[in-house]
Protein backbone atom coordinates (compact mmCIF):
# COMPACT_ATOMS: atom_id res chain seq x y z
CA MET A 1 0.00 0.00 0.00
CA ALA A 2 2.83 2.40 0.81
CA LYS A 3 4.44 1.90 -2.58
CA LEU A 4 1.16 2.46 -4.41
CA ALA A 5 0.29 5.52 -2.31
CA ASN A 6 3.69 7.09 -2.90
CA ASP A 7 4.11 6.05 -6.54
CA ILE A 8 7.14 3.83 -5.94
CA ILE A 9 7.35 1.38 -8.82
CA ASP A 10 10.15 -1.06 -7.99
CA THR A 11 8.63 -4.56 -8.11
CA PRO A 12 6.73 -6.52 -10.75
CA ALA A 13 3.60 -6.61 -8.56
CA VAL A 14 3.48 -2.83 -8.11
CA MET A 15 4.26 -2.29 -11.80
CA ALA A 16 1.36 -4.59 -12.74
CA ALA A 17 -0.98 -2.73 -10.38
CA LYS A 18 0.01 0.66 -11.80
CA SER A 19 -0.38 -0.63 -15.36
CA HIS A 20 -3.84 -1.90 -14.45
CA LEU A 21 -4.74 1.56 -13.10
CA ARG A 22 -3.26 3.31 -16.13
CA ASN A 23 -5.85 1.44 -18.23
CA GLN A 24 -8.62 2.89 -16.00
CA ASN A 25 -9.38 -0.47 -14.36
CA PRO A 26 -10.38 -0.80 -10.70
CA LEU A 27 -7.79 -2.11 -8.25
CA VAL A 28 -9.16 -3.95 -5.22
CA ILE A 29 -7.02 -4.01 -2.08
CA ALA A 30 -7.60 -6.45 0.78
CA PRO A 31 -5.47 -5.03 3.61
CA SER A 32 -3.88 -7.20 6.27
CA THR A 33 -1.11 -5.43 8.15
CA ASN A 34 0.24 -5.04 11.66
CA ASN A 35 0.53 -1.26 11.32
CA GLY A 36 -2.69 -0.36 9.51
CA LEU A 37 -3.84 1.94 12.32
CA SER A 38 -0.40 3.48 12.89
CA GLY A 39 2.35 3.96 10.29
CA ASN A 40 0.36 2.66 7.33
CA ALA A 41 -2.81 4.63 8.12
CA VAL A 42 -1.60 7.60 6.08
CA ASN A 43 -1.11 5.35 3.03
CA ILE A 44 -4.56 3.82 3.40
CA GLY A 45 -5.98 7.35 3.61
CA LYS A 46 -4.15 8.39 0.43
CA LEU A 47 -5.42 5.36 -1.48
CA LEU A 48 -8.99 5.91 -0.29
CA ASN A 49 -8.76 9.35 -1.86
CA MET A 50 -7.41 8.15 -5.22
CA LYS A 51 -9.42 7.13 -8.25
CA ASN A 52 -9.94 3.42 -9.03
CA TYR A 53 -8.72 2.07 -5.67
CA TYR A 54 -11.28 0.00 -3.77
CA PHE A 55 -10.91 -1.66 -0.37
CA VAL A 56 -12.32 -4.91 0.91
CA PRO A 57 -13.84 -3.97 4.30
CA PHE A 58 -11.49 -4.51 7.22
CA LYS A 59 -11.45 -4.51 11.01
CA GLN A 60 -9.00 -4.60 13.87
CA ASP A 61 -7.32 -7.96 14.09
CA ASN A 62 -6.89 -8.15 17.87
CA PRO A 63 -7.33 -4.79 19.65
CA ILE A 64 -5.85 -6.04 22.93
CA SER A 65 -2.57 -7.62 21.88
CA LYS A 66 -2.21 -5.97 18.43
CA PRO A 67 -3.95 -2.55 18.67
CA ASN A 68 -2.65 -1.26 15.30
CA SER A 69 -3.30 -4.41 13.29
CA ILE A 70 -6.05 -4.69 10.67
CA VAL A 71 -7.31 -7.61 8.61
CA PHE A 72 -9.79 -7.72 5.73
CA ASP A 73 -13.01 -9.70 5.98
CA ALA A 74 -12.90 -12.36 3.26
CA SER A 75 -16.70 -12.67 3.20
CA TYR A 76 -16.79 -9.26 1.44
CA ILE A 77 -14.40 -10.04 -1.42
CA ILE A 78 -16.98 -10.92 -4.10
CA LYS A 79 -19.27 -8.03 -3.18
CA THR A 80 -16.31 -5.61 -3.18
CA LEU A 81 -15.33 -6.79 -6.67
CA GLU A 82 -18.89 -6.31 -7.92
CA TYR A 83 -19.05 -2.79 -6.49
CA ALA A 84 -15.61 -1.90 -7.85
CA LEU A 85 -16.67 -2.90 -11.37
CA GLU A 86 -19.53 -0.40 -10.96
CA GLY A 87 -17.08 2.28 -9.76
CA LYS A 88 -18.36 2.20 -6.16
CA GLN A 89 -16.70 1.55 -2.82
CA ILE A 90 -18.60 -0.94 -0.69
CA GLN A 91 -19.62 0.49 2.67
CA PRO A 92 -18.82 0.44 5.47
CA ILE A 93 -15.07 0.05 4.91
CA LEU A 94 -14.19 -0.17 8.60
CA LEU A 95 -16.10 -2.97 10.28
CA GLN A 96 -16.93 -3.36 13.94
CA LEU A 97 -15.61 -6.31 15.89
C-alpha cells in the first residue's frame, strides 16, 4: 500500500498494479497489516482518496494484543469486486468487531 500511495514502482507486482490503473481499471485491495492503524494509516488514507482504488472492508485484528493491526473480511471479497466494477466503494469500509 505504501508503494502504491507514494508512486514507488520497484517490483513486478506494483508495476502490474500501476499498469492496471493506467488502463482505467479498478484495483481492489484487501489489507492485512500489523501497522494499519499506525504507520500505514496515512497510506490507506491516500489510497482511499485516489481514483480506481477500492478496499475490501477490514477490522482490527486483535485490539488487545495488536492494537494497530487490521485484517480484511474475506466474506466481502466478491461483493467488493462487484461494487468496484460499478465504480463504487462498498460500505462500510471499517467494520466493527
